[in-house]
Amino acid sequence: MKVNPERILEVNKEIEAMGIKILAQYAVLGPFDFVNIVEAPDERSIAKLSIELGFRGTVHTLSMPAIPTDKLIRFLKEEE
């Protein structure tokens, strides 16, 4: 990244070509370098992305599927 910081944008294009939309991207301090908030058609798409990036050996990912709170409340009410 020091030599070619625009590489971040190149990877973003690869992600978008896989049908995954980048909603937000942040550089962060701590155990991770970046936080990307993405929208994908399904969990399979995210799994494929994580595996493909992981095989490169330069990226470690942590996926955290998110459920909107109103949807969670509906799910919880359905179990009653």
N, C-alpha and C. Protein backbone atom coordinates (compact mmCIF):
# COMPACT_ATOMS: atom_id res chain seq x y z
N MET A 1 0.82 -1.20 0.00
CA MET A 1 0.00 0.00 0.00
C MET A 1 0.85 1.25 0.00
N LYS A 2 2.01 1.17 0.64
CA LYS A 2 2.86 2.35 0.70
C LYS A 2 3.30 2.78 -0.70
N VAL A 3 3.60 1.81 -1.55
CA VAL A 3 4.06 2.09 -2.90
C VAL A 3 2.89 2.41 -3.83
N ASN A 4 1.74 1.73 -3.62
CA ASN A 4 0.59 1.89 -4.51
C ASN A 4 -0.71 1.96 -3.71
N PRO A 5 -0.98 3.09 -3.04
CA PRO A 5 -2.20 3.18 -2.23
C PRO A 5 -3.49 3.05 -3.04
N GLU A 6 -3.41 3.31 -4.35
CA GLU A 6 -4.60 3.17 -5.18
C GLU A 6 -5.02 1.70 -5.33
N ARG A 7 -4.19 0.79 -4.88
CA ARG A 7 -4.52 -0.65 -4.93
C ARG A 7 -5.84 -0.91 -4.21
N ILE A 8 -6.12 -0.12 -3.19
CA ILE A 8 -7.39 -0.26 -2.46
C ILE A 8 -8.56 -0.14 -3.43
N LEU A 9 -8.50 0.83 -4.31
CA LEU A 9 -9.59 1.06 -5.27
C LEU A 9 -9.66 -0.07 -6.30
N GLU A 10 -8.51 -0.65 -6.66
CA GLU A 10 -8.49 -1.77 -7.59
C GLU A 10 -9.21 -2.98 -6.98
N VAL A 11 -8.95 -3.24 -5.72
CA VAL A 11 -9.62 -4.35 -5.04
C VAL A 11 -11.11 -4.07 -4.94
N ASN A 12 -11.49 -2.83 -4.69
CA ASN A 12 -12.92 -2.48 -4.64
C ASN A 12 -13.60 -2.81 -5.96
N LYS A 13 -12.94 -2.54 -7.07
CA LYS A 13 -13.51 -2.86 -8.38
C LYS A 13 -13.70 -4.37 -8.54
N GLU A 14 -12.74 -5.15 -8.04
CA GLU A 14 -12.85 -6.61 -8.09
C GLU A 14 -14.06 -7.08 -7.28
N ILE A 15 -14.23 -6.49 -6.11
CA ILE A 15 -15.35 -6.85 -5.24
C ILE A 15 -16.67 -6.53 -5.93
N GLU A 16 -16.77 -5.36 -6.50
CA GLU A 16 -18.00 -4.95 -7.18
C GLU A 16 -18.28 -5.81 -8.41
N ALA A 17 -17.22 -6.29 -9.08
CA ALA A 17 -17.40 -7.17 -10.23
C ALA A 17 -17.99 -8.52 -9.82
N MET A 18 -17.88 -8.85 -8.54
CA MET A 18 -18.46 -10.10 -8.01
C MET A 18 -19.91 -9.90 -7.60
N GLY A 19 -20.45 -8.71 -7.85
CA GLY A 19 -21.84 -8.44 -7.52
C GLY A 19 -22.07 -7.98 -6.09
N ILE A 20 -21.00 -7.55 -5.44
CA ILE A 20 -21.08 -7.08 -4.06
C ILE A 20 -20.89 -5.57 -4.06
N LYS A 21 -21.82 -4.88 -3.44
CA LYS A 21 -21.79 -3.41 -3.42
C LYS A 21 -21.09 -2.93 -2.14
N ILE A 22 -20.12 -2.06 -2.29
CA ILE A 22 -19.44 -1.47 -1.14
C ILE A 22 -20.25 -0.24 -0.72
N LEU A 23 -20.82 -0.30 0.48
CA LEU A 23 -21.63 0.80 0.99
C LEU A 23 -20.78 1.84 1.70
N ALA A 24 -19.74 1.38 2.40
CA ALA A 24 -18.83 2.29 3.10
C ALA A 24 -17.52 1.55 3.34
N GLN A 25 -16.45 2.33 3.43
CA GLN A 25 -15.13 1.76 3.69
C GLN A 25 -14.36 2.72 4.58
N TYR A 26 -13.76 2.15 5.63
CA TYR A 26 -13.02 2.97 6.58
C TYR A 26 -11.66 2.36 6.86
N ALA A 27 -10.64 3.18 6.95
CA ALA A 27 -9.34 2.76 7.47
C ALA A 27 -9.44 2.91 8.98
N VAL A 28 -9.02 1.87 9.71
CA VAL A 28 -9.16 1.89 11.17
C VAL A 28 -7.85 1.51 11.84
N LEU A 29 -7.74 1.87 13.10
CA LEU A 29 -6.59 1.48 13.91
C LEU A 29 -7.03 0.31 14.77
N GLY A 30 -6.12 -0.60 15.05
CA GLY A 30 -6.46 -1.76 15.87
C GLY A 30 -6.07 -3.04 15.16
N PRO A 31 -6.73 -4.14 15.48
CA PRO A 31 -6.34 -5.43 14.90
C PRO A 31 -6.62 -5.55 13.40
N PHE A 32 -7.46 -4.69 12.86
CA PHE A 32 -7.76 -4.70 11.43
C PHE A 32 -7.37 -3.36 10.82
N ASP A 33 -7.08 -3.38 9.52
CA ASP A 33 -6.69 -2.15 8.82
C ASP A 33 -7.88 -1.42 8.21
N PHE A 34 -8.90 -2.21 7.82
CA PHE A 34 -10.07 -1.62 7.16
C PHE A 34 -11.34 -2.28 7.67
N VAL A 35 -12.41 -1.50 7.63
CA VAL A 35 -13.76 -2.01 7.84
C VAL A 35 -14.54 -1.65 6.59
N ASN A 36 -15.09 -2.66 5.94
CA ASN A 36 -15.92 -2.45 4.76
C ASN A 36 -17.34 -2.87 5.08
N ILE A 37 -18.27 -2.02 4.78
CA ILE A 37 -19.68 -2.36 4.92
C ILE A 37 -20.18 -2.61 3.51
N VAL A 38 -20.60 -3.85 3.28
CA VAL A 38 -20.99 -4.25 1.92
C VAL A 38 -22.39 -4.82 1.92
N GLU A 39 -22.96 -4.85 0.73
CA GLU A 39 -24.27 -5.46 0.54
C GLU A 39 -24.10 -6.50 -0.56
N ALA A 40 -24.49 -7.73 -0.25
CA ALA A 40 -24.35 -8.84 -1.19
C ALA A 40 -25.69 -9.51 -1.40
N PRO A 41 -25.86 -10.18 -2.53
CA PRO A 41 -27.13 -10.85 -2.79
C PRO A 41 -27.43 -11.96 -1.78
N ASP A 42 -26.37 -12.58 -1.23
CA ASP A 42 -26.56 -13.68 -0.29
C ASP A 42 -25.25 -13.98 0.43
N GLU A 43 -25.33 -14.86 1.43
CA GLU A 43 -24.13 -15.20 2.21
C GLU A 43 -23.12 -15.97 1.37
N ARG A 44 -23.59 -16.70 0.38
CA ARG A 44 -22.70 -17.46 -0.50
C ARG A 44 -21.74 -16.51 -1.23
N SER A 45 -22.24 -15.37 -1.66
CA SER A 45 -21.40 -14.39 -2.36
C SER A 45 -20.30 -13.88 -1.44
N ILE A 46 -20.64 -13.63 -0.20
CA ILE A 46 -19.64 -13.15 0.78
C ILE A 46 -18.62 -14.25 1.06
N ALA A 47 -19.08 -15.48 1.19
CA ALA A 47 -18.16 -16.60 1.43
C ALA A 47 -17.17 -16.72 0.28
N LYS A 48 -17.66 -16.61 -0.94
CA LYS A 48 -16.79 -16.69 -2.12
C LYS A 48 -15.76 -15.56 -2.10
N LEU A 49 -16.21 -14.36 -1.79
CA LEU A 49 -15.30 -13.22 -1.72
C LEU A 49 -14.24 -13.44 -0.63
N SER A 50 -14.65 -13.86 0.54
CA SER A 50 -13.71 -14.07 1.64
C SER A 50 -12.66 -15.12 1.29
N ILE A 51 -13.11 -16.20 0.65
CA ILE A 51 -12.17 -17.25 0.27
C ILE A 51 -11.20 -16.76 -0.78
N GLU A 52 -11.73 -16.07 -1.79
CA GLU A 52 -10.87 -15.57 -2.86
C GLU A 52 -9.83 -14.59 -2.33
N LEU A 53 -10.23 -13.66 -1.49
CA LEU A 53 -9.27 -12.71 -0.93
C LEU A 53 -8.29 -13.41 0.01
N GLY A 54 -8.79 -14.37 0.78
CA GLY A 54 -7.94 -15.10 1.71
C GLY A 54 -6.85 -15.91 1.03
N PHE A 55 -7.17 -16.48 -0.14
CA PHE A 55 -6.18 -17.27 -0.88
C PHE A 55 -4.99 -16.43 -1.32
N ARG A 56 -5.16 -15.15 -1.41
CA ARG A 56 -4.06 -14.29 -1.83
C ARG A 56 -2.98 -14.21 -0.76
N GLY A 57 -3.36 -14.50 0.46
CA GLY A 57 -2.39 -14.50 1.55
C GLY A 57 -2.07 -13.13 2.11
N THR A 58 -2.71 -12.10 1.58
CA THR A 58 -2.42 -10.75 2.04
C THR A 58 -3.57 -10.15 2.83
N VAL A 59 -4.68 -10.87 2.91
CA VAL A 59 -5.87 -10.34 3.57
C VAL A 59 -6.45 -11.40 4.51
N HIS A 60 -6.84 -10.97 5.68
CA HIS A 60 -7.58 -11.82 6.61
C HIS A 60 -8.92 -11.13 6.83
N THR A 61 -9.98 -11.90 6.70
CA THR A 61 -11.31 -11.30 6.79
C THR A 61 -12.06 -11.80 8.01
N LEU A 62 -13.01 -11.01 8.43
CA LEU A 62 -13.97 -11.36 9.47
C LEU A 62 -15.32 -10.90 8.96
N SER A 63 -16.19 -11.85 8.66
CA SER A 63 -17.52 -11.50 8.16
C SER A 63 -18.51 -11.49 9.30
N MET A 64 -19.35 -10.48 9.31
CA MET A 64 -20.35 -10.34 10.36
C MET A 64 -21.69 -10.03 9.71
N PRO A 65 -22.45 -11.08 9.36
CA PRO A 65 -23.76 -10.82 8.75
C PRO A 65 -24.61 -9.96 9.68
N ALA A 66 -25.28 -8.99 9.11
CA ALA A 66 -26.08 -8.06 9.91
C ALA A 66 -27.56 -8.23 9.58
N ILE A 67 -28.37 -8.16 10.62
CA ILE A 67 -29.83 -8.24 10.46
C ILE A 67 -30.39 -6.92 10.97
N PRO A 68 -31.16 -6.22 10.15
CA PRO A 68 -31.79 -4.99 10.64
C PRO A 68 -32.62 -5.28 11.89
N THR A 69 -32.60 -4.38 12.84
CA THR A 69 -33.28 -4.64 14.12
C THR A 69 -34.77 -4.89 13.95
N ASP A 70 -35.43 -4.19 13.03
CA ASP A 70 -36.86 -4.42 12.86
C ASP A 70 -37.12 -5.84 12.35
N LYS A 71 -36.24 -6.35 11.51
CA LYS A 71 -36.37 -7.73 11.02
C LYS A 71 -36.13 -8.73 12.17
N LEU A 72 -35.16 -8.45 13.01
CA LEU A 72 -34.88 -9.31 14.16
C LEU A 72 -36.09 -9.38 15.07
N ILE A 73 -36.71 -8.24 15.33
CA ILE A 73 -37.90 -8.21 16.19
C ILE A 73 -39.00 -9.07 15.59
N ARG A 74 -39.20 -8.98 14.28
CA ARG A 74 -40.21 -9.82 13.62
C ARG A 74 -39.88 -11.30 13.78
N PHE A 75 -38.61 -11.68 13.59
CA PHE A 75 -38.20 -13.08 13.76
C PHE A 75 -38.49 -13.56 15.16
N LEU A 76 -38.19 -12.72 16.16
CA LEU A 76 -38.38 -13.11 17.55
C LEU A 76 -39.86 -13.27 17.88
N LYS A 77 -40.68 -12.42 17.31
CA LYS A 77 -42.12 -12.51 17.55
C LYS A 77 -42.72 -13.75 16.90
N GLU A 78 -42.16 -14.19 15.78
CA GLU A 78 -42.66 -15.38 15.09
C GLU A 78 -42.44 -16.64 15.91
N GLU A 79 -41.45 -16.64 16.79
CA GLU A 79 -41.15 -17.82 17.60
C GLU A 79 -42.11 -17.98 18.76
N GLU A 80 -42.88 -16.99 19.07
CA GLU A 80 -43.79 -17.06 20.22
C GLU A 80 -44.95 -17.98 19.93
